[in-house]
Amino acid sequence: MESLERSVSLKQGSTIDQLELKKQMDYAYNKTLQYLQHQELVEGSIPQSLGECQDVAELEGGLNKELSRYNKHKIQKIREAQIKLEEDKKRVELLEKIQERDQRIVQIMIKKQQEMKEKYCTSKKVENRRIDTQEMESKSQPRDNEAQKNLQQQQSQKVNQILSTYEIRSKMIFKGEDKKEKKKREQALQRKEEFEKQIDMECQIQMAKIQQKLENSGKLQKELIQNKIEKIKEQNHKEQQIMKQQKQLKDKISQDQINQLLEKMVQKEKDFQINQKSIQNVEQEKKLEIKSKQRKIKSNQGDIFKDRDEKLKQLNEKFLKVEQFNRMKKEEQDNKILLKQELRKLKEQDKQDILERQKRQNEYRMLEITEKYRQVDEKNQLKQYQNTLLQQTSMHISKQEILERNRIYSHLQQMSDNLFNKKVRKRNLSQLEKNILTIKPKVNNQKEDTEFEDHTRLLITMLQTSDPEETLKNKLSRRHN
């Protein structure tokens, strides 16, 4: 029962109280000392009850069994500690691999962001070049128009003064339109730069947050690993102290056993010497009796037969006593042999119990190992799931950024196309069509101003709103209006 309880306590993760085991050892040791001290045997006397010797043997057997169990338990604990150390090493290696993987992911994210910035800078440069070329074209076109106007003025000097007044008005209107277009372009470029700065700031903030999270996770992992290593060191130190105490106890117990055996041997030798002395005394008595008998025979030949009979009776009684003594010795030897046989049987039973216990412990260890592997697999699956979620979120963020940039660029291109197409169309018209259009110039200017204001409002709402669904709703509502 004790072995089963100990195996159950080991399998449940509980440790045996060393103080209780020490108390049991001290109790057994004190009991043996008390027995040896209070043993009052007279020289030459035989113990009436053999239970005293049996108590010593049982105590020795119990002590040996408890020592063997304690040593086995200690060996099991050492093995379990070694297994835990190996598992902790494997966990540390896995954590290091995970950290390396996270660092690689961070490097890849940084590279992607750099590539996106480079692409954005290249696209920005291309747009700036395109805008510069358009400005150069817009500057060259007025010169050509002025030359054409001079020629037309020379030809139209013959035309009425009314047409000349209309031409002067149309020139003034075109100059005002050029100034407005330049202002609009400058405002659009400023807004574009501000939007780019905001995007860069948001990217930097996100990168800083990700780096802080990674650093915090790395610190936590290192702290956990250090705490585990310290706990393992403390356990090893405690086990070493326990080993030293066990060695000291073994030395004490071995010395006590040797002293007891020596005392037993001395007592046996004393008993043997006492028996030899008794035998010698009997022989001497016999010799003396024979001598006395011879004397009596010489003195009293008539009483020889009577004396012989009496002497024979005495001798028979003495021989009977000696035979009884020998029988008692044989019985003691037989009892010792039986005790040895019983001890062997008990040892075999203990071995079988130990084997069964080891089997049960191995089964429980296998269950614990499977549970640990299952936990490790679950952790790995969670980490993989976390990595997939991070990848998906990064993909969604990049897609949203690309969509928002493309949307902004498309709106800017539409604005620029609308502005430049109307301008070119008006510049390339003939003189007669211009004169006809200059009848109502203020209405067209008002339409262009309203369109520009609508586009600017769209840009402001896009910058303020983060959800793409709200931006689409705003677009549709404005288009319907």
Protein backbone atom coordinates (compact mmCIF):
# COMPACT_ATOMS: atom_id res chain seq x y z
CA MET A 1 0.00 0.00 0.00
CA GLU A 2 2.81 2.40 0.84
CA SER A 3 4.46 1.76 -2.53
CA LEU A 4 1.16 2.40 -4.35
CA GLU A 5 0.61 5.64 -2.42
CA ARG A 6 4.13 6.79 -3.24
CA SER A 7 3.69 5.99 -6.95
CA VAL A 8 0.38 7.88 -7.01
CA SER A 9 1.97 10.89 -5.32
CA LEU A 10 4.81 10.86 -7.83
CA LYS A 11 2.46 10.63 -10.80
CA GLN A 12 0.34 13.48 -9.53
CA GLY A 13 3.43 15.72 -9.35
CA SER A 14 3.65 15.84 -5.52
CA THR A 15 6.95 15.30 -3.74
CA ILE A 16 7.48 13.07 -0.69
CA ASP A 17 8.07 14.92 2.56
CA GLN A 18 11.66 14.24 3.50
CA LEU A 19 11.01 15.08 7.14
CA GLU A 20 8.52 12.23 7.49
CA LEU A 21 10.95 9.76 5.97
CA LYS A 22 13.71 10.95 8.31
CA LYS A 23 11.36 10.54 11.27
CA GLN A 24 10.60 6.96 10.25
CA MET A 25 14.30 6.17 9.92
CA ASP A 26 15.07 7.68 13.32
CA TYR A 27 12.20 5.75 14.92
CA ALA A 28 13.47 2.41 13.55
CA TYR A 29 17.03 3.19 14.60
CA ASN A 30 15.98 4.15 18.15
CA LYS A 31 13.89 1.00 18.41
CA THR A 32 16.87 -1.22 17.55
CA LEU A 33 19.07 0.60 20.07
CA GLN A 34 16.46 0.18 22.80
CA TYR A 35 16.17 -3.52 22.07
CA LEU A 36 19.94 -4.03 22.23
CA GLN A 37 20.30 -1.96 25.41
CA HIS A 38 17.43 -3.65 27.32
CA GLN A 39 18.42 -7.17 26.23
CA GLU A 40 19.15 -8.98 29.53
CA LEU A 41 20.36 -12.49 28.65
CA VAL A 42 22.24 -14.61 31.19
CA GLU A 43 25.39 -16.39 30.03
CA GLY A 44 24.58 -19.92 28.93
CA SER A 45 20.83 -19.33 28.97
CA ILE A 46 18.65 -19.82 25.89
CA PRO A 47 15.90 -17.31 25.04
CA GLN A 48 12.50 -18.78 25.66
CA SER A 49 10.83 -16.80 22.85
CA LEU A 50 12.45 -16.41 19.45
CA GLY A 51 10.51 -13.23 18.76
CA GLU A 52 13.36 -11.02 19.96
CA CYS A 53 15.69 -12.19 17.19
CA GLN A 54 12.88 -11.94 14.68
CA ASP A 55 12.29 -8.28 15.64
CA VAL A 56 15.90 -7.39 14.82
CA ALA A 57 15.73 -9.16 11.47
CA GLU A 58 12.43 -7.52 10.60
CA LEU A 59 13.79 -4.12 11.52
CA GLU A 60 16.87 -4.67 9.38
CA GLY A 61 14.72 -5.81 6.49
CA GLY A 62 12.39 -2.83 6.87
CA LEU A 63 15.31 -0.42 6.99
CA ASN A 64 16.86 -1.95 3.88
CA LYS A 65 13.53 -1.82 2.05
CA GLU A 66 12.94 1.81 2.95
CA LEU A 67 16.48 2.73 1.95
CA SER A 68 16.10 0.96 -1.39
CA ARG A 69 12.76 2.68 -1.99
CA TYR A 70 14.17 6.04 -1.06
CA ASN A 71 17.16 5.56 -3.39
CA LYS A 72 14.89 4.49 -6.24
CA HIS A 73 12.68 7.50 -5.66
CA LYS A 74 15.75 9.72 -5.69
CA ILE A 75 16.98 8.18 -8.96
CA GLN A 76 13.55 8.70 -10.49
CA LYS A 77 13.56 12.33 -9.43
CA ILE A 78 17.01 12.84 -10.96
CA ARG A 79 15.84 11.29 -14.23
CA GLU A 80 12.73 13.43 -14.25
CA ALA A 81 14.87 16.52 -13.66
CA GLN A 82 17.12 15.53 -16.58
CA ILE A 83 14.07 15.05 -18.80
CA LYS A 84 12.76 18.47 -17.76
CA LEU A 85 16.13 20.04 -18.54
CA GLU A 86 16.10 18.51 -22.02
CA GLU A 87 12.54 19.70 -22.59
CA ASP A 88 13.44 23.21 -21.43
CA LYS A 89 16.42 23.22 -23.80
CA LYS A 90 14.16 22.22 -26.67
CA ARG A 91 11.70 24.96 -25.71
CA VAL A 92 14.50 27.52 -25.62
CA GLU A 93 15.61 26.42 -29.10
CA LEU A 94 12.04 26.72 -30.37
CA LEU A 95 11.71 30.20 -28.88
CA GLU A 96 14.98 31.26 -30.50
CA LYS A 97 13.76 29.95 -33.86
CA ILE A 98 10.48 31.82 -33.43
CA GLN A 99 12.38 35.04 -32.63
CA GLU A 100 14.54 34.60 -35.73
CA ARG A 101 11.41 34.07 -37.80
CA ASP A 102 9.82 37.21 -36.34
CA GLN A 103 12.98 39.21 -37.09
CA ARG A 104 12.93 37.96 -40.68
CA ILE A 105 9.29 38.98 -41.01
CA VAL A 106 10.11 42.44 -39.65
CA GLN A 107 13.02 42.79 -42.09
CA ILE A 108 10.76 41.75 -44.96
CA MET A 109 8.14 44.30 -43.86
CA ILE A 110 10.81 47.02 -43.68
CA LYS A 111 12.06 46.11 -47.17
CA LYS A 112 8.53 46.21 -48.53
CA GLN A 113 7.94 49.62 -46.99
CA GLN A 114 11.20 50.91 -48.44
CA GLU A 115 10.22 49.58 -51.86
CA MET A 116 6.82 51.23 -51.56
CA LYS A 117 8.47 54.52 -50.60
CA GLU A 118 10.88 54.27 -53.55
CA LYS A 119 8.02 53.54 -55.93
CA TYR A 120 6.08 56.42 -54.46
CA CYS A 121 9.09 58.76 -54.86
CA THR A 122 9.59 57.66 -58.48
CA SER A 123 5.91 58.19 -59.24
CA LYS A 124 6.12 61.58 -57.54
CA LYS A 125 9.13 62.56 -59.65
CA VAL A 126 7.34 61.43 -62.83
CA GLU A 127 4.28 63.48 -61.92
CA ASN A 128 6.43 66.52 -61.14
CA ARG A 129 8.14 66.16 -64.52
CA ARG A 130 4.79 65.82 -66.23
CA ILE A 131 3.51 68.91 -64.44
CA ASP A 132 6.67 70.84 -65.44
CA THR A 133 6.27 69.79 -69.07
CA GLN A 134 2.64 70.83 -68.99
CA GLU A 135 3.62 74.21 -67.53
CA MET A 136 6.25 74.66 -70.25
CA GLU A 137 3.68 73.79 -72.88
CA SER A 138 1.20 76.17 -71.31
CA LYS A 139 3.86 78.91 -71.39
CA SER A 140 4.77 78.22 -75.04
CA GLN A 141 1.15 78.15 -76.18
CA PRO A 142 0.39 81.76 -75.15
CA ARG A 143 3.40 82.94 -77.20
CA ASP A 144 2.08 81.20 -80.32
CA ASN A 145 -1.35 82.60 -79.62
CA GLU A 146 0.09 86.11 -79.25
CA ALA A 147 1.80 85.82 -82.64
CA GLN A 148 -1.44 84.61 -84.19
CA LYS A 149 -3.24 87.41 -82.46
CA ASN A 150 -0.85 90.00 -83.88
CA LEU A 151 -1.42 88.63 -87.37
CA GLN A 152 -5.12 88.52 -86.81
CA GLN A 153 -5.03 92.07 -85.43
CA GLN A 154 -3.24 93.24 -88.59
CA GLN A 155 -5.88 91.52 -90.67
CA SER A 156 -8.71 92.63 -88.39
CA GLN A 157 -7.70 96.34 -88.36
CA LYS A 158 -10.16 96.69 -91.17
CA VAL A 159 -12.89 95.09 -89.02
CA ASN A 160 -15.20 97.19 -86.92
CA GLN A 161 -14.11 98.68 -83.57
CA ILE A 162 -16.72 96.55 -81.83
CA LEU A 163 -14.77 93.36 -82.64
CA SER A 164 -11.54 94.93 -81.32
CA THR A 165 -13.21 95.70 -78.02
CA TYR A 166 -14.39 92.09 -77.75
CA GLU A 167 -10.86 90.83 -78.48
CA ILE A 168 -9.39 92.99 -75.71
CA ARG A 169 -11.94 91.64 -73.27
CA SER A 170 -11.23 88.04 -74.28
CA LYS A 171 -7.45 88.54 -73.69
CA MET A 172 -8.06 89.88 -70.22
CA ILE A 173 -10.28 86.90 -69.42
CA PHE A 174 -7.60 84.41 -70.60
CA LYS A 175 -4.97 86.07 -68.41
CA GLY A 176 -7.24 85.77 -65.37
CA GLU A 177 -7.84 82.09 -66.19
CA ASP A 178 -4.07 81.40 -66.36
CA LYS A 179 -3.55 82.87 -62.89
CA LYS A 180 -6.42 80.81 -61.45
CA GLU A 181 -5.06 77.62 -63.00
CA LYS A 182 -1.59 78.23 -61.52
CA LYS A 183 -3.09 78.81 -58.08
CA LYS A 184 -5.14 75.63 -58.36
CA ARG A 185 -2.07 73.61 -59.36
CA GLU A 186 -0.04 74.98 -56.48
CA GLN A 187 -2.83 74.19 -54.02
CA ALA A 188 -3.18 70.64 -55.39
CA LEU A 189 0.59 70.07 -55.10
CA GLN A 190 0.60 71.36 -51.53
CA ARG A 191 -2.27 69.06 -50.59
CA LYS A 192 -0.55 66.17 -52.28
CA GLU A 193 2.66 66.78 -50.30
CA GLU A 194 0.71 67.04 -47.04
CA PHE A 195 -1.06 63.76 -47.79
CA GLU A 196 2.28 62.07 -48.53
CA LYS A 197 3.71 63.37 -45.26
CA GLN A 198 0.70 62.03 -43.35
CA ILE A 199 1.11 58.60 -44.97
CA ASP A 200 4.83 58.53 -44.06
CA MET A 201 4.06 59.50 -40.46
CA GLU A 202 1.41 56.77 -40.15
CA CYS A 203 3.81 54.17 -41.57
CA GLN A 204 6.53 55.20 -39.14
CA ILE A 205 4.11 55.06 -36.19
CA GLN A 206 2.96 51.56 -37.19
CA MET A 207 6.55 50.37 -37.57
CA ALA A 208 7.46 51.77 -34.14
CA LYS A 209 4.48 49.98 -32.56
CA ILE A 210 5.42 46.68 -34.23
CA GLN A 211 9.04 47.01 -33.09
CA GLN A 212 7.93 47.77 -29.51
CA LYS A 213 5.68 44.71 -29.49
CA LEU A 214 8.49 42.51 -30.78
CA GLU A 215 10.93 43.88 -28.21
CA ASN A 216 8.43 43.37 -25.39
CA SER A 217 7.71 39.79 -26.50
CA GLY A 218 11.45 39.04 -26.71
CA LYS A 219 12.04 40.44 -23.21
CA LEU A 220 9.17 38.42 -21.77
CA GLN A 221 10.47 35.24 -23.40
CA LYS A 222 13.97 35.85 -22.04
CA GLU A 223 12.63 36.50 -18.54
CA LEU A 224 10.57 33.29 -18.63
CA ILE A 225 13.57 31.27 -19.78
CA GLN A 226 15.79 32.75 -17.06
CA ASN A 227 13.18 32.01 -14.38
CA LYS A 228 12.92 28.40 -15.54
CA ILE A 229 16.71 28.00 -15.53
CA GLU A 230 16.91 29.41 -12.00
CA LYS A 231 14.19 27.05 -10.79
CA ILE A 232 16.01 24.08 -12.32
CA LYS A 233 19.25 25.14 -10.65
CA GLU A 234 17.50 25.41 -7.30
CA GLN A 235 16.01 21.94 -7.75
CA ASN A 236 19.43 20.49 -8.60
CA HIS A 237 20.96 22.19 -5.55
CA LYS A 238 18.22 20.77 -3.30
CA GLU A 239 18.68 17.29 -4.77
CA GLN A 240 22.42 17.47 -4.18
CA GLN A 241 21.82 18.40 -0.54
CA ILE A 242 19.39 15.49 -0.23
CA MET A 243 22.01 13.16 -1.73
CA LYS A 244 24.55 14.30 0.83
CA GLN A 245 22.10 13.76 3.67
CA GLN A 246 21.27 10.30 2.34
CA LYS A 247 24.94 9.39 2.19
CA GLN A 248 25.40 10.51 5.77
CA LEU A 249 22.38 8.46 6.86
CA LYS A 250 23.67 5.43 4.98
CA ASP A 251 27.05 5.74 6.64
CA LYS A 252 25.44 5.97 10.08
CA ILE A 253 23.11 3.05 9.41
CA SER A 254 25.93 0.89 7.99
CA GLN A 255 28.09 1.59 11.04
CA ASP A 256 25.22 0.71 13.38
CA GLN A 257 24.57 -2.51 11.50
CA ILE A 258 28.23 -3.46 11.67
CA ASN A 259 28.29 -2.79 15.40
CA GLN A 260 25.18 -4.91 15.88
CA LEU A 261 26.63 -7.76 13.86
CA LEU A 262 29.86 -7.60 15.84
CA GLU A 263 27.92 -7.71 19.10
CA LYS A 264 25.98 -10.72 17.84
CA MET A 265 29.18 -12.49 16.83
CA VAL A 266 30.73 -11.76 20.22
CA GLN A 267 27.64 -13.09 21.96
CA LYS A 268 27.67 -16.22 19.82
CA GLU A 269 31.34 -16.82 20.63
CA LYS A 270 30.59 -16.36 24.33
CA ASP A 271 27.73 -18.85 24.12
CA PHE A 272 29.96 -21.32 22.30
CA GLN A 273 32.67 -20.94 24.92
CA ILE A 274 30.11 -21.39 27.71
CA ASN A 275 28.84 -24.56 26.05
CA GLN A 276 32.38 -25.88 25.68
CA LYS A 277 33.07 -25.13 29.36
CA SER A 278 29.91 -26.94 30.39
CA ILE A 279 30.92 -29.96 28.29
CA GLN A 280 34.39 -29.95 29.78
CA ASN A 281 32.92 -29.73 33.28
CA VAL A 282 30.68 -32.69 32.51
CA GLU A 283 33.63 -34.69 31.26
CA GLN A 284 35.66 -33.79 34.33
CA GLU A 285 32.77 -34.80 36.54
CA LYS A 286 32.57 -38.08 34.68
CA LYS A 287 36.26 -38.70 35.18
CA LEU A 288 36.00 -37.88 38.86
CA GLU A 289 33.01 -40.15 39.21
CA ILE A 290 34.86 -42.96 37.47
CA LYS A 291 37.78 -42.52 39.81
CA SER A 292 35.48 -42.47 42.82
CA LYS A 293 33.71 -45.53 41.49
CA GLN A 294 36.97 -47.39 41.12
CA ARG A 295 37.83 -46.47 44.64
CA LYS A 296 34.43 -47.57 45.84
CA ILE A 297 34.75 -50.80 43.88
CA LYS A 298 37.97 -51.47 45.58
CA SER A 299 36.51 -50.58 48.93
CA ASN A 300 33.07 -51.99 48.46
CA GLN A 301 32.89 -54.71 45.88
CA GLY A 302 29.48 -55.74 47.15
CA ASP A 303 27.88 -52.38 46.46
CA ILE A 304 29.31 -52.16 42.93
CA PHE A 305 26.12 -53.00 41.11
CA LYS A 306 24.07 -50.56 43.14
CA ASP A 307 26.55 -47.76 42.55
CA ARG A 308 26.65 -48.59 38.85
CA ASP A 309 22.91 -48.36 38.57
CA GLU A 310 22.83 -45.01 40.31
CA LYS A 311 25.69 -43.68 38.23
CA LEU A 312 24.09 -44.94 35.06
CA LYS A 313 20.89 -43.15 35.99
CA GLN A 314 22.78 -39.93 36.63
CA LEU A 315 24.67 -40.28 33.37
CA ASN A 316 21.46 -40.97 31.48
CA GLU A 317 19.87 -37.86 32.99
CA LYS A 318 22.88 -35.76 31.99
CA PHE A 319 22.89 -37.19 28.48
CA LEU A 320 19.19 -36.41 28.21
CA LYS A 321 19.87 -32.81 29.22
CA VAL A 322 22.63 -32.57 26.60
CA GLU A 323 20.33 -34.03 23.95
CA GLN A 324 17.62 -31.52 24.87
CA PHE A 325 20.16 -28.72 24.59
CA ASN A 326 21.23 -29.98 21.15
CA ARG A 327 17.60 -30.24 20.07
CA MET A 328 17.01 -26.64 21.07
CA LYS A 329 20.00 -25.57 19.01
CA LYS A 330 18.74 -27.50 15.99
CA GLU A 331 15.33 -25.90 16.36
CA GLU A 332 16.96 -22.48 16.47
CA GLN A 333 18.92 -23.27 13.31
CA ASP A 334 15.78 -24.54 11.59
CA ASN A 335 13.93 -21.39 12.57
CA LYS A 336 16.75 -19.25 11.19
CA ILE A 337 16.62 -21.17 7.90
CA LEU A 338 12.86 -20.61 7.70
CA LEU A 339 13.34 -16.93 8.39
CA LYS A 340 15.90 -16.68 5.61
CA GLN A 341 13.52 -18.40 3.20
CA GLU A 342 10.76 -16.00 4.17
CA LEU A 343 13.12 -13.06 3.64
CA ARG A 344 13.95 -14.36 0.16
CA LYS A 345 10.27 -14.67 -0.65
CA LEU A 346 9.64 -11.16 0.60
CA LYS A 347 12.52 -9.82 -1.51
CA GLU A 348 11.10 -11.52 -4.60
CA GLN A 349 7.71 -10.01 -3.85
CA ASP A 350 9.33 -6.60 -3.45
CA LYS A 351 11.05 -7.02 -6.81
CA GLN A 352 7.74 -7.88 -8.45
CA ASP A 353 6.10 -4.88 -6.78
CA ILE A 354 8.93 -2.66 -8.00
CA LEU A 355 8.55 -3.96 -11.57
CA GLU A 356 4.81 -3.32 -11.50
CA ARG A 357 5.39 0.13 -10.09
CA GLN A 358 7.93 0.90 -12.81
CA LYS A 359 5.46 -0.22 -15.44
CA ARG A 360 2.79 2.06 -14.02
CA GLN A 361 5.22 4.94 -13.76
CA ASN A 362 6.31 4.42 -17.39
CA GLU A 363 2.67 4.45 -18.48
CA TYR A 364 2.02 7.66 -16.56
CA ARG A 365 5.18 9.20 -17.99
CA MET A 366 4.07 8.31 -21.50
CA LEU A 367 0.73 10.00 -20.81
CA GLU A 368 2.48 13.09 -19.46
CA ILE A 369 4.83 13.19 -22.47
CA THR A 370 1.90 12.90 -24.89
CA GLU A 371 0.10 15.71 -23.06
CA LYS A 372 3.22 17.89 -23.22
CA TYR A 373 3.61 17.23 -26.95
CA ARG A 374 -0.05 18.02 -27.45
CA GLN A 375 0.36 21.32 -25.59
CA VAL A 376 3.44 22.14 -27.67
CA ASP A 377 1.52 21.34 -30.87
CA GLU A 378 -1.36 23.56 -29.75
CA LYS A 379 1.07 26.41 -29.02
CA ASN A 380 2.69 25.99 -32.43
CA GLN A 381 -0.71 25.99 -34.11
CA LEU A 382 -1.66 29.16 -32.25
CA LYS A 383 1.60 30.81 -33.29
CA GLN A 384 1.04 29.76 -36.91
CA TYR A 385 -2.49 31.12 -36.74
CA GLN A 386 -1.16 34.36 -35.26
CA ASN A 387 1.42 34.65 -38.05
CA THR A 388 -1.26 34.05 -40.69
CA LEU A 389 -3.44 36.73 -39.11
CA LEU A 390 -0.52 39.17 -39.09
CA GLN A 391 0.19 38.42 -42.74
CA GLN A 392 -3.47 38.86 -43.66
CA THR A 393 -3.70 42.15 -41.77
CA SER A 394 -0.53 43.43 -43.43
CA MET A 395 -1.94 42.43 -46.84
CA HIS A 396 -5.24 44.18 -46.12
CA ILE A 397 -3.41 47.30 -44.93
CA SER A 398 -1.22 47.37 -48.03
CA LYS A 399 -4.26 46.81 -50.27
CA GLN A 400 -6.17 49.62 -48.57
CA GLU A 401 -3.18 51.95 -48.90
CA ILE A 402 -2.83 51.10 -52.60
CA LEU A 403 -6.56 51.60 -53.19
CA GLU A 404 -6.55 54.95 -51.39
CA ARG A 405 -3.47 56.13 -53.29
CA ASN A 406 -4.88 55.04 -56.64
CA ARG A 407 -8.16 56.69 -55.80
CA ILE A 408 -6.42 59.95 -54.87
CA TYR A 409 -4.25 59.83 -57.98
CA SER A 410 -7.28 59.13 -60.18
CA HIS A 411 -9.11 62.13 -58.71
CA LEU A 412 -6.08 64.34 -59.18
CA GLN A 413 -5.69 63.15 -62.76
CA GLN A 414 -9.36 63.78 -63.43
CA MET A 415 -9.02 67.27 -62.02
CA SER A 416 -5.91 68.01 -64.03
CA ASP A 417 -7.43 66.49 -67.19
CA ASN A 418 -10.60 68.47 -66.78
CA LEU A 419 -8.66 71.69 -66.27
CA PHE A 420 -6.11 71.18 -69.05
CA ASN A 421 -8.52 69.77 -71.62
CA LYS A 422 -10.84 72.74 -71.27
CA LYS A 423 -7.94 75.14 -71.52
CA VAL A 424 -6.47 73.52 -74.64
CA ARG A 425 -9.85 73.30 -76.24
CA LYS A 426 -10.38 77.01 -75.71
CA ARG A 427 -6.85 77.94 -76.86
CA ASN A 428 -7.04 75.93 -80.06
CA LEU A 429 -10.33 77.37 -81.20
CA SER A 430 -10.41 79.77 -84.09
CA GLN A 431 -10.76 83.51 -83.72
CA LEU A 432 -14.37 83.53 -84.75
CA GLU A 433 -15.36 80.83 -82.26
CA LYS A 434 -13.53 82.73 -79.51
CA ASN A 435 -15.41 85.86 -80.38
CA ILE A 436 -18.65 83.94 -80.27
CA LEU A 437 -17.75 82.34 -76.91
CA THR A 438 -16.78 85.65 -75.38
CA ILE A 439 -20.38 86.69 -75.44
CA LYS A 440 -20.99 84.83 -72.15
CA PRO A 441 -17.61 84.28 -70.47
CA LYS A 442 -18.71 84.62 -66.87
CA VAL A 443 -21.00 81.56 -66.92
CA ASN A 444 -18.17 79.15 -67.96
CA ASN A 445 -15.86 80.47 -65.28
CA GLN A 446 -18.52 79.88 -62.67
CA LYS A 447 -18.98 76.26 -63.80
CA GLU A 448 -15.24 75.55 -63.64
CA ASP A 449 -15.03 77.11 -60.19
CA THR A 450 -17.87 74.93 -58.94
CA GLU A 451 -16.25 71.76 -60.36
CA PHE A 452 -12.91 72.63 -58.74
CA GLU A 453 -14.63 73.22 -55.40
CA ASP A 454 -16.40 69.86 -55.67
CA HIS A 455 -13.12 68.07 -56.35
CA THR A 456 -11.38 69.79 -53.45
CA ARG A 457 -14.23 68.82 -51.11
CA LEU A 458 -13.91 65.24 -52.31
CA LEU A 459 -10.19 65.24 -51.48
CA ILE A 460 -10.83 66.66 -47.99
CA THR A 461 -13.49 64.04 -47.23
CA MET A 462 -11.20 61.25 -48.45
CA LEU A 463 -8.39 62.43 -46.22
CA GLN A 464 -10.68 62.74 -43.21
CA THR A 465 -12.55 59.44 -43.66
CA SER A 466 -10.78 56.09 -43.25
CA ASP A 467 -13.49 53.67 -44.41
CA PRO A 468 -13.75 53.18 -48.18
CA GLU A 469 -17.51 52.53 -47.98
CA GLU A 470 -18.18 56.05 -46.65
CA THR A 471 -16.08 57.60 -49.42
CA LEU A 472 -18.01 55.68 -52.07
CA LYS A 473 -21.30 56.82 -50.56
CA ASN A 474 -20.14 60.45 -50.60
CA LYS A 475 -19.05 60.13 -54.24
CA LEU A 476 -22.35 58.64 -55.35
CA SER A 477 -24.37 61.29 -53.52
CA ARG A 478 -22.33 64.10 -55.10
CA ARG A 479 -22.60 62.59 -58.56
CA HIS A 480 -26.37 62.38 -58.22
CA ASN A 481 -26.45 66.01 -57.08
